Amino acid sequence: MDQKNDNYILHIDGERQYLTFPKLDSYKELRHVFTTRHGGVSSGCVSTWNFGERKLDSEENILRNFEILADVMGTTADKMVLTYQTHTVNIRKVTKEDAGRGVTRDWGYRDVDGLVTDEKDLTIITTHADCNAVFFYDPVKKVIGLAHSGWRGTLGGISREMVSIMMNDYGTDPEDLVCGIGPSLCKDCFEVDEDVAEAFRDADPEYADFIERRAPKYHIDLKAIIKHDLVKMGVKEENVLDMGLCTKCNKDDFFSHRGHKGKRGLMVAAMRMAE
C-alpha cells in the first residue's frame, strides 16, 4: 500500500495508521478517516485497532480503541454514534441526543446500517471488515452521511437511500455531493454463487455490466455498482471517489472477514464536522 496517491493518503502517527480522501481533506470543517489494523491496544487475531468482535476482545480494549480514534478525530468518545449493522438499508438521522450510542452507552436501536446528520461536533461511525464504507458530504448544506454497504446493502440500494434522505430531509442537491468508497473487497476477491449474481441482475439489468462469470463462480464489482447508483442519483462522476484498496489483498493492513477466515477485528469509517 502506497503512503500517498491521488486516491488516498495514509497517515502515520506513531503506531496509529489511518486513511483519508485528498478531496475531502480540502474541506477544513470536515474530519474523516478509515482506520487500518494498526494503532490500538487489542491483541491476537484482532490486533491492534479493533472496534468490535467482542467475543474475541475485551470491552475495555474496544473502548480504549474508540478513545484513540476520538483523539484522531479531535473529539471525545461520548460524542460518537455507532451503527448497529445487520446488512439492512436502514439509515438513522442522528442528533446530539444520540451522542455516545454504541460507544459509551447502549445503542437504544437495532438494524441501522447508515447514519446521517447536520449536527456539528458529532462523529458518525460505521464498522467494516470487507464491506464497503460509503462516505457522503454535502459542503453546501453541511450534511454528512456514512453507509455500511455489503453485498446485501448494495443490492438493496443503501447509497441511493442515503442520497434520497439527504435530498428530501436536508435539501441536498446531488450535484453538490462528494462521496467516497473506502477499502473493501475488489472484484477478484468478491466471489459468489449464481443465486447472488442473479439477484443483482434481477434488481437492475445494468448491473450485468459489473458481473463476470468465472465458472463455477461469479465475481461482482460492488464498488462499480455503488458508483453507478450514485451517478444515476445525480452525483457527479468526478465526485465519486474510490480509495482503490482491497481489504483481502491487503490483509496485513486491514481486517478481512474472507482473508482471515472470520477470525478478525473490525475497522471503522468515521466523519465529523467541526463546530
C-alpha atoms as a PDB file:
ATOM      1  CA  MET A   1       0.000   0.000   0.000  1.00  0.00           C
ATOM      2  CA  ASP A   2       1.378   3.391  -1.009  1.00  0.00           C
ATOM      3  CA  GLN A   3       1.588   6.128   1.594  1.00  0.00           C
ATOM      4  CA  LYS A   4       0.039   8.652  -0.768  1.00  0.00           C
ATOM      5  CA  ASN A   5      -1.521   8.774  -4.216  1.00  0.00           C
ATOM      6  CA  ASP A   6      -4.416  10.523  -5.968  1.00  0.00           C
ATOM      7  CA  ASN A   7      -6.978   8.247  -4.291  1.00  0.00           C
ATOM      8  CA  TYR A   8      -5.944   8.282  -0.622  1.00  0.00           C
ATOM      9  CA  ILE A   9      -3.432   9.456   1.951  1.00  0.00           C
ATOM     10  CA  LEU A  10      -2.087   7.021   4.553  1.00  0.00           C
ATOM     11  CA  HIS A  11      -1.453   8.974   7.753  1.00  0.00           C
ATOM     12  CA  ILE A  12       1.108   7.505  10.147  1.00  0.00           C
ATOM     13  CA  ASP A  13       1.063   8.987  13.644  1.00  0.00           C
ATOM     14  CA  GLY A  14       3.209   6.815  15.872  1.00  0.00           C
ATOM     15  CA  GLU A  15       1.524   3.405  15.841  1.00  0.00           C
ATOM     16  CA  ARG A  16      -1.736   4.844  14.518  1.00  0.00           C
ATOM     17  CA  GLN A  17      -2.336   4.456  10.792  1.00  0.00           C
ATOM     18  CA  TYR A  18      -5.451   5.672   9.008  1.00  0.00           C
ATOM     19  CA  LEU A  19      -6.600   6.780   5.563  1.00  0.00           C
ATOM     20  CA  THR A  20      -8.311   9.863   4.181  1.00  0.00           C
ATOM     21  CA  PHE A  21      -9.517  11.068   0.776  1.00  0.00           C
ATOM     22  CA  PRO A  22      -7.431  14.025  -0.503  1.00  0.00           C
ATOM     23  CA  LYS A  23     -10.522  15.763  -1.900  1.00  0.00           C
ATOM     24  CA  LEU A  24     -12.427  15.522   1.386  1.00  0.00           C
ATOM     25  CA  ASP A  25      -9.321  16.727   3.225  1.00  0.00           C
ATOM     26  CA  SER A  26      -9.696  20.035   1.370  1.00  0.00           C
ATOM     27  CA  TYR A  27     -12.798  20.895   3.433  1.00  0.00           C
ATOM     28  CA  LYS A  28     -11.342  22.397   6.589  1.00  0.00           C
ATOM     29  CA  GLU A  29     -14.539  21.948   8.614  1.00  0.00           C
ATOM     30  CA  LEU A  30     -14.612  18.202   7.888  1.00  0.00           C
ATOM     31  CA  ARG A  31     -12.742  15.404   9.621  1.00  0.00           C
ATOM     32  CA  HIS A  32     -12.936  11.883   8.209  1.00  0.00           C
ATOM     33  CA  VAL A  33     -10.919   8.653   8.469  1.00  0.00           C
ATOM     34  CA  PHE A  34     -10.900   4.994   7.550  1.00  0.00           C
ATOM     35  CA  THR A  35      -8.824   3.062  10.064  1.00  0.00           C
ATOM     36  CA  THR A  36      -6.323   0.264   9.436  1.00  0.00           C
ATOM     37  CA  ARG A  37      -5.419  -2.606  11.738  1.00  0.00           C
ATOM     38  CA  HIS A  38      -2.617  -0.540  13.255  1.00  0.00           C
ATOM     39  CA  GLY A  39      -2.809   1.816  16.218  1.00  0.00           C
ATOM     40  CA  GLY A  40      -4.861   0.271  19.012  1.00  0.00           C
ATOM     41  CA  VAL A  41      -4.414  -1.836  22.122  1.00  0.00           C
ATOM     42  CA  SER A  42      -6.023  -5.176  21.186  1.00  0.00           C
ATOM     43  CA  SER A  43      -4.052  -8.382  20.709  1.00  0.00           C
ATOM     44  CA  GLY A  44      -4.199 -11.726  18.974  1.00  0.00           C
ATOM     45  CA  CYS A  45      -6.253 -12.084  15.806  1.00  0.00           C
ATOM     46  CA  VAL A  46      -7.915  -8.699  16.473  1.00  0.00           C
ATOM     47  CA  SER A  47      -4.667  -6.795  16.967  1.00  0.00           C
ATOM     48  CA  THR A  48      -4.409  -3.944  17.301  1.00  0.00           C
ATOM     49  CA  TRP A  49      -7.094  -1.383  16.436  1.00  0.00           C
ATOM     50  CA  ASN A  50     -10.285  -3.408  16.821  1.00  0.00           C
ATOM     51  CA  PHE A  51     -13.697  -1.736  17.150  1.00  0.00           C
ATOM     52  CA  GLY A  52     -15.904  -4.802  17.571  1.00  0.00           C
ATOM     53  CA  GLU A  53     -15.916  -8.597  17.602  1.00  0.00           C
ATOM     54  CA  ARG A  54     -16.464  -8.618  21.347  1.00  0.00           C
ATOM     55  CA  LYS A  55     -16.205 -12.397  21.584  1.00  0.00           C
ATOM     56  CA  LEU A  56     -12.537 -12.018  20.577  1.00  0.00           C
ATOM     57  CA  ASP A  57     -11.685  -8.915  22.595  1.00  0.00           C
ATOM     58  CA  SER A  58     -12.484  -7.134  25.847  1.00  0.00           C
ATOM     59  CA  GLU A  59     -14.880  -4.218  26.328  1.00  0.00           C
ATOM     60  CA  GLU A  60     -12.009  -2.324  27.941  1.00  0.00           C
ATOM     61  CA  ASN A  61      -9.811  -2.693  24.859  1.00  0.00           C
ATOM     62  CA  ILE A  62     -12.595  -1.735  22.470  1.00  0.00           C
ATOM     63  CA  LEU A  63     -13.465   1.394  24.454  1.00  0.00           C
ATOM     64  CA  ARG A  64      -9.801   2.360  24.572  1.00  0.00           C
ATOM     65  CA  ASN A  65      -9.604   1.919  20.789  1.00  0.00           C
ATOM     66  CA  PHE A  66     -12.563   4.289  20.397  1.00  0.00           C
ATOM     67  CA  GLU A  67     -10.814   6.775  22.680  1.00  0.00           C
ATOM     68  CA  ILE A  68      -7.741   6.606  20.442  1.00  0.00           C
ATOM     69  CA  LEU A  69      -9.991   7.227  17.444  1.00  0.00           C
ATOM     70  CA  ALA A  70     -11.610  10.148  19.256  1.00  0.00           C
ATOM     71  CA  ASP A  71      -8.194  11.712  19.714  1.00  0.00           C
ATOM     72  CA  VAL A  72      -7.532  11.342  15.965  1.00  0.00           C
ATOM     73  CA  MET A  73     -10.930  12.911  15.212  1.00  0.00           C
ATOM     74  CA  GLY A  74     -10.382  15.807  17.632  1.00  0.00           C
ATOM     75  CA  THR A  75     -13.279  14.843  19.880  1.00  0.00           C
ATOM     76  CA  THR A  76     -14.248  12.517  22.747  1.00  0.00           C
ATOM     77  CA  ALA A  77     -15.822   9.053  22.741  1.00  0.00           C
ATOM     78  CA  ASP A  78     -19.054  10.305  24.300  1.00  0.00           C
ATOM     79  CA  LYS A  79     -19.690  12.433  21.192  1.00  0.00           C
ATOM     80  CA  MET A  80     -19.599   9.435  18.839  1.00  0.00           C
ATOM     81  CA  VAL A  81     -22.531   7.489  17.351  1.00  0.00           C
ATOM     82  CA  LEU A  82     -22.212   3.926  16.039  1.00  0.00           C
ATOM     83  CA  THR A  83     -24.387   1.921  13.670  1.00  0.00           C
ATOM     84  CA  TYR A  84     -25.962  -1.402  14.696  1.00  0.00           C
ATOM     85  CA  GLN A  85     -25.317  -3.252  11.469  1.00  0.00           C
ATOM     86  CA  THR A  86     -27.387  -6.174  10.199  1.00  0.00           C
ATOM     87  CA  HIS A  87     -26.997  -5.684   6.417  1.00  0.00           C
ATOM     88  CA  THR A  88     -30.156  -3.609   6.061  1.00  0.00           C
ATOM     89  CA  VAL A  89     -30.680  -0.398   4.086  1.00  0.00           C
ATOM     90  CA  ASN A  90     -31.955   1.411   7.180  1.00  0.00           C
ATOM     91  CA  ILE A  91     -30.483   4.862   7.787  1.00  0.00           C
ATOM     92  CA  ARG A  92     -30.864   6.786  11.045  1.00  0.00           C
ATOM     93  CA  LYS A  93     -30.907  10.559  11.240  1.00  0.00           C
ATOM     94  CA  VAL A  94     -28.882  11.325  14.349  1.00  0.00           C
ATOM     95  CA  THR A  95     -28.680  14.368  16.611  1.00  0.00           C
ATOM     96  CA  LYS A  96     -26.746  15.288  19.732  1.00  0.00           C
ATOM     97  CA  GLU A  97     -29.301  13.265  21.712  1.00  0.00           C
ATOM     98  CA  ASP A  98     -27.705  10.175  20.142  1.00  0.00           C
ATOM     99  CA  ALA A  99     -24.178  11.069  21.304  1.00  0.00           C
ATOM    100  CA  GLY A 100     -22.372   8.056  22.747  1.00  0.00           C
ATOM    101  CA  ARG A 101     -24.759   5.418  21.380  1.00  0.00           C
ATOM    102  CA  GLY A 102     -22.911   2.184  20.699  1.00  0.00           C
ATOM    103  CA  VAL A 103     -19.664   3.561  22.129  1.00  0.00           C
ATOM    104  CA  THR A 104     -20.059   4.821  25.709  1.00  0.00           C
ATOM    105  CA  ARG A 105     -23.690   3.696  26.170  1.00  0.00           C
ATOM    106  CA  ASP A 106     -26.128   1.228  24.692  1.00  0.00           C
ATOM    107  CA  TRP A 107     -27.437   1.853  21.184  1.00  0.00           C
ATOM    108  CA  GLY A 108     -31.130   2.046  22.005  1.00  0.00           C
ATOM    109  CA  TYR A 109     -31.810   0.935  18.415  1.00  0.00           C
ATOM    110  CA  ARG A 110     -31.089  -2.026  16.153  1.00  0.00           C
ATOM    111  CA  ASP A 111     -30.881  -2.724  12.410  1.00  0.00           C
ATOM    112  CA  VAL A 112     -29.177   0.513  11.371  1.00  0.00           C
ATOM    113  CA  ASP A 113     -26.554   0.375   8.603  1.00  0.00           C
ATOM    114  CA  GLY A 114     -26.291   4.074   7.835  1.00  0.00           C
ATOM    115  CA  LEU A 115     -26.108   7.359   9.737  1.00  0.00           C
ATOM    116  CA  VAL A 116     -26.694  10.920   8.561  1.00  0.00           C
ATOM    117  CA  THR A 117     -26.610  14.253  10.373  1.00  0.00           C
ATOM    118  CA  ASP A 118     -26.246  18.004  10.007  1.00  0.00           C
ATOM    119  CA  GLU A 119     -25.109  18.348  13.625  1.00  0.00           C
ATOM    120  CA  LYS A 120     -21.676  19.816  14.294  1.00  0.00           C
ATOM    121  CA  ASP A 121     -19.230  18.067  16.615  1.00  0.00           C
ATOM    122  CA  LEU A 122     -20.992  14.708  16.340  1.00  0.00           C
ATOM    123  CA  THR A 123     -18.880  11.840  14.965  1.00  0.00           C
ATOM    124  CA  ILE A 124     -20.776   9.190  12.992  1.00  0.00           C
ATOM    125  CA  ILE A 125     -19.207   5.743  12.616  1.00  0.00           C
ATOM    126  CA  THR A 126     -19.706   2.545  10.624  1.00  0.00           C
ATOM    127  CA  THR A 127     -17.731  -0.706  11.075  1.00  0.00           C
ATOM    128  CA  HIS A 128     -16.091  -2.792   8.344  1.00  0.00           C
ATOM    129  CA  ALA A 129     -14.088  -5.918   7.550  1.00  0.00           C
ATOM    130  CA  ASP A 130     -14.615  -6.328   3.754  1.00  0.00           C
ATOM    131  CA  CYS A 131     -17.902  -4.459   3.206  1.00  0.00           C
ATOM    132  CA  ASN A 132     -17.870  -1.038   1.573  1.00  0.00           C
ATOM    133  CA  ALA A 133     -17.799   2.146   3.610  1.00  0.00           C
ATOM    134  CA  VAL A 134     -19.529   4.879   1.622  1.00  0.00           C
ATOM    135  CA  PHE A 135     -18.849   8.475   2.711  1.00  0.00           C
ATOM    136  CA  PHE A 136     -21.230  11.333   1.848  1.00  0.00           C
ATOM    137  CA  TYR A 137     -20.568  15.050   2.273  1.00  0.00           C
ATOM    138  CA  ASP A 138     -22.704  17.985   1.216  1.00  0.00           C
ATOM    139  CA  PRO A 139     -20.415  21.018   1.592  1.00  0.00           C
ATOM    140  CA  VAL A 140     -23.266  23.428   0.782  1.00  0.00           C
ATOM    141  CA  LYS A 141     -25.910  22.255   3.266  1.00  0.00           C
ATOM    142  CA  LYS A 142     -23.249  20.909   5.659  1.00  0.00           C
ATOM    143  CA  VAL A 143     -24.535  17.349   5.976  1.00  0.00           C
ATOM    144  CA  ILE A 144     -22.510  14.165   6.473  1.00  0.00           C
ATOM    145  CA  GLY A 145     -23.515  10.548   5.954  1.00  0.00           C
ATOM    146  CA  LEU A 146     -21.948   7.115   6.219  1.00  0.00           C
ATOM    147  CA  ALA A 147     -23.257   3.806   4.906  1.00  0.00           C
ATOM    148  CA  HIS A 148     -22.203   0.217   5.506  1.00  0.00           C
ATOM    149  CA  SER A 149     -22.740  -1.351   2.088  1.00  0.00           C
ATOM    150  CA  GLY A 150     -22.010  -5.066   1.864  1.00  0.00           C
ATOM    151  CA  TRP A 151     -23.491  -7.045  -0.980  1.00  0.00           C
ATOM    152  CA  ARG A 152     -26.950  -7.048   0.604  1.00  0.00           C
ATOM    153  CA  GLY A 153     -26.845  -3.325   1.278  1.00  0.00           C
ATOM    154  CA  THR A 154     -25.528  -2.654  -2.208  1.00  0.00           C
ATOM    155  CA  LEU A 155     -28.224  -4.854  -3.737  1.00  0.00           C
ATOM    156  CA  GLY A 156     -30.865  -3.062  -1.686  1.00  0.00           C
ATOM    157  CA  GLY A 157     -29.544   0.363  -2.685  1.00  0.00           C
ATOM    158  CA  ILE A 158     -28.402   1.833   0.629  1.00  0.00           C
ATOM    159  CA  SER A 159     -26.366   4.504  -1.204  1.00  0.00           C
ATOM    160  CA  ARG A 160     -29.419   5.530  -3.217  1.00  0.00           C
ATOM    161  CA  GLU A 161     -31.395   5.649   0.019  1.00  0.00           C
ATOM    162  CA  MET A 162     -28.802   7.911   1.618  1.00  0.00           C
ATOM    163  CA  VAL A 163     -28.917  10.366  -1.287  1.00  0.00           C
ATOM    164  CA  SER A 164     -32.732  10.380  -1.164  1.00  0.00           C
ATOM    165  CA  ILE A 165     -32.774  11.162   2.561  1.00  0.00           C
ATOM    166  CA  MET A 166     -30.212  13.931   2.142  1.00  0.00           C
ATOM    167  CA  MET A 167     -32.270  15.422  -0.682  1.00  0.00           C
ATOM    168  CA  ASN A 168     -35.670  15.141   0.992  1.00  0.00           C
ATOM    169  CA  ASP A 169     -34.772  15.903   4.610  1.00  0.00           C
ATOM    170  CA  TYR A 170     -31.789  18.253   4.312  1.00  0.00           C
ATOM    171  CA  GLY A 171     -32.293  19.907   0.920  1.00  0.00           C
ATOM    172  CA  THR A 172     -29.171  18.434  -0.661  1.00  0.00           C
ATOM    173  CA  ASP A 173     -28.579  18.890  -4.368  1.00  0.00           C
ATOM    174  CA  PRO A 174     -26.905  15.629  -5.519  1.00  0.00           C
ATOM    175  CA  GLU A 175     -24.581  17.618  -7.763  1.00  0.00           C
ATOM    176  CA  ASP A 176     -23.065  19.157  -4.626  1.00  0.00           C
ATOM    177  CA  LEU A 177     -22.309  15.798  -3.002  1.00  0.00           C
ATOM    178  CA  VAL A 178     -18.806  14.445  -2.639  1.00  0.00           C
ATOM    179  CA  CYS A 179     -18.844  10.687  -1.985  1.00  0.00           C
ATOM    180  CA  GLY A 180     -16.094   8.189  -1.269  1.00  0.00           C
ATOM    181  CA  ILE A 181     -15.713   4.411  -1.160  1.00  0.00           C
ATOM    182  CA  GLY A 182     -13.260   3.029   1.364  1.00  0.00           C
ATOM    183  CA  PRO A 183     -11.184  -0.182   1.338  1.00  0.00           C
ATOM    184  CA  SER A 184     -13.319  -3.270   0.653  1.00  0.00           C
ATOM    185  CA  LEU A 185     -13.294  -6.457  -1.405  1.00  0.00           C
ATOM    186  CA  CYS A 186     -12.220  -5.989  -5.007  1.00  0.00           C
ATOM    187  CA  LYS A 187     -13.979  -7.742  -7.884  1.00  0.00           C
ATOM    188  CA  ASP A 188     -11.389 -10.532  -7.938  1.00  0.00           C
ATOM    189  CA  CYS A 189     -11.935 -11.262  -4.253  1.00  0.00           C
ATOM    190  CA  PHE A 190     -15.738 -10.965  -4.189  1.00  0.00           C
ATOM    191  CA  GLU A 191     -16.681 -14.419  -5.421  1.00  0.00           C
ATOM    192  CA  VAL A 192     -20.299 -15.576  -5.146  1.00  0.00           C
ATOM    193  CA  ASP A 193     -22.673 -18.289  -6.287  1.00  0.00           C
ATOM    194  CA  GLU A 194     -25.109 -17.924  -9.160  1.00  0.00           C
ATOM    195  CA  ASP A 195     -28.076 -17.018  -6.932  1.00  0.00           C
ATOM    196  CA  VAL A 196     -26.375 -13.824  -5.731  1.00  0.00           C
ATOM    197  CA  ALA A 197     -25.356 -12.865  -9.272  1.00  0.00           C
ATOM    198  CA  GLU A 198     -28.902 -13.489 -10.452  1.00  0.00           C
ATOM    199  CA  ALA A 199     -30.318 -11.318  -7.661  1.00  0.00           C
ATOM    200  CA  PHE A 200     -28.201  -8.402  -8.873  1.00  0.00           C
ATOM    201  CA  ARG A 201     -29.233  -8.905 -12.486  1.00  0.00           C
ATOM    202  CA  ASP A 202     -32.880  -9.007 -11.424  1.00  0.00           C
ATOM    203  CA  ALA A 203     -32.513  -5.825  -9.361  1.00  0.00           C
ATOM    204  CA  ASP A 204     -31.135  -3.806 -12.285  1.00  0.00           C
ATOM    205  CA  PRO A 205     -30.288  -5.200 -15.725  1.00  0.00           C
ATOM    206  CA  GLU A 206     -27.487  -2.631 -15.958  1.00  0.00           C
ATOM    207  CA  TYR A 207     -25.711  -4.414 -13.080  1.00  0.00           C
ATOM    208  CA  ALA A 208     -24.853  -7.200 -15.541  1.00  0.00           C
ATOM    209  CA  ASP A 209     -22.015  -4.958 -16.758  1.00  0.00           C
ATOM    210  CA  PHE A 210     -20.336  -5.421 -13.368  1.00  0.00           C
ATOM    211  CA  ILE A 211     -20.731  -9.212 -13.100  1.00  0.00           C
ATOM    212  CA  GLU A 212     -18.295 -11.721 -14.569  1.00  0.00           C
ATOM    213  CA  ARG A 213     -18.712 -15.477 -14.658  1.00  0.00           C
ATOM    214  CA  ARG A 214     -15.605 -17.472 -13.824  1.00  0.00           C
ATOM    215  CA  ALA A 215     -17.115 -20.943 -13.720  1.00  0.00           C
ATOM    216  CA  PRO A 216     -18.419 -22.228 -11.451  1.00  0.00           C
ATOM    217  CA  LYS A 217     -18.458 -18.906  -9.528  1.00  0.00           C
ATOM    218  CA  TYR A 218     -19.311 -15.293 -10.303  1.00  0.00           C
ATOM    219  CA  HIS A 219     -17.359 -12.146  -9.469  1.00  0.00           C
ATOM    220  CA  ILE A 220     -19.137  -8.849  -8.810  1.00  0.00           C
ATOM    221  CA  ASP A 221     -17.613  -5.362  -8.739  1.00  0.00           C
ATOM    222  CA  LEU A 222     -19.590  -3.873  -5.844  1.00  0.00           C
ATOM    223  CA  LYS A 223     -17.638  -0.619  -5.921  1.00  0.00           C
ATOM    224  CA  ALA A 224     -18.577  -0.077  -9.558  1.00  0.00           C
ATOM    225  CA  ILE A 225     -22.239  -0.765  -8.745  1.00  0.00           C
ATOM    226  CA  ILE A 226     -22.181   1.776  -5.909  1.00  0.00           C
ATOM    227  CA  LYS A 227     -20.619   4.371  -8.214  1.00  0.00           C
ATOM    228  CA  HIS A 228     -23.188   3.537 -10.912  1.00  0.00           C
ATOM    229  CA  ASP A 229     -26.023   4.061  -8.414  1.00  0.00           C
ATOM    230  CA  LEU A 230     -24.641   7.350  -7.125  1.00  0.00           C
ATOM    231  CA  VAL A 231     -24.191   8.773 -10.611  1.00  0.00           C
ATOM    232  CA  LYS A 232     -27.737   7.732 -11.533  1.00  0.00           C
ATOM    233  CA  MET A 233     -28.927   9.636  -8.447  1.00  0.00           C
ATOM    234  CA  GLY A 234     -27.289  12.794  -9.790  1.00  0.00           C
ATOM    235  CA  VAL A 235     -23.875  12.760  -8.118  1.00  0.00           C
ATOM    236  CA  LYS A 236     -21.176  13.989 -10.478  1.00  0.00           C
ATOM    237  CA  GLU A 237     -18.943  11.155 -11.627  1.00  0.00           C
ATOM    238  CA  GLU A 238     -15.822  13.092 -10.682  1.00  0.00           C
ATOM    239  CA  ASN A 239     -17.219  13.453  -7.152  1.00  0.00           C
ATOM    240  CA  VAL A 240     -17.407   9.696  -6.543  1.00  0.00           C
ATOM    241  CA  LEU A 241     -14.034   8.872  -5.021  1.00  0.00           C
ATOM    242  CA  ASP A 242     -12.578   5.389  -4.536  1.00  0.00           C
ATOM    243  CA  MET A 243      -9.525   4.586  -2.451  1.00  0.00           C
ATOM    244  CA  GLY A 244      -8.975   1.598  -4.755  1.00  0.00           C
ATOM    245  CA  LEU A 245      -7.837  -0.695  -1.944  1.00  0.00           C
ATOM    246  CA  CYS A 246      -8.909  -4.293  -1.349  1.00  0.00           C
ATOM    247  CA  THR A 247      -9.116  -5.470   2.249  1.00  0.00           C
ATOM    248  CA  LYS A 248      -8.382  -9.112   1.406  1.00  0.00           C
ATOM    249  CA  CYS A 249      -5.473  -8.288  -0.918  1.00  0.00           C
ATOM    250  CA  ASN A 250      -4.004  -6.107   1.872  1.00  0.00           C
ATOM    251  CA  LYS A 251      -4.912  -8.206   4.913  1.00  0.00           C
ATOM    252  CA  ASP A 252      -1.707  -7.267   6.747  1.00  0.00           C
ATOM    253  CA  ASP A 253      -3.057  -3.720   6.929  1.00  0.00           C
ATOM    254  CA  PHE A 254      -6.831  -4.364   7.062  1.00  0.00           C
ATOM    255  CA  PHE A 255      -9.142  -6.800   8.782  1.00  0.00           C
ATOM    256  CA  SER A 256     -10.733  -9.046   6.157  1.00  0.00           C
ATOM    257  CA  HIS A 257     -13.532 -11.459   7.001  1.00  0.00           C
ATOM    258  CA  ARG A 258     -12.719 -13.568   3.950  1.00  0.00           C
ATOM    259  CA  GLY A 259      -8.978 -13.126   4.159  1.00  0.00           C
ATOM    260  CA  HIS A 260      -8.754 -14.018   7.844  1.00  0.00           C
ATOM    261  CA  LYS A 261     -11.470 -16.704   7.666  1.00  0.00           C
ATOM    262  CA  GLY A 262     -13.694 -14.935  10.183  1.00  0.00           C
ATOM    263  CA  LYS A 263     -11.034 -14.517  12.886  1.00  0.00           C
ATOM    264  CA  ARG A 264     -10.543 -10.770  12.687  1.00  0.00           C
ATOM    265  CA  GLY A 265     -11.462  -7.448  14.200  1.00  0.00           C
ATOM    266  CA  LEU A 266     -13.425  -4.531  12.789  1.00  0.00           C
ATOM    267  CA  MET A 267     -12.211  -1.267  11.308  1.00  0.00           C
ATOM    268  CA  VAL A 268     -14.258   1.924  11.148  1.00  0.00           C
ATOM    269  CA  ALA A 269     -15.163   4.759   8.862  1.00  0.00           C
ATOM    270  CA  ALA A 270     -15.762   7.978  10.783  1.00  0.00           C
ATOM    271  CA  MET A 271     -16.882  11.533   9.904  1.00  0.00           C
ATOM    272  CA  ARG A 272     -17.269  14.721  11.905  1.00  0.00           C
ATOM    273  CA  MET A 273     -17.931  18.415  11.167  1.00  0.00           C
ATOM    274  CA  ALA A 274     -16.247  20.874  13.490  1.00  0.00           C
ATOM    275  CA  GLU A 275     -18.253  23.466  15.412  1.00  0.00           C
END
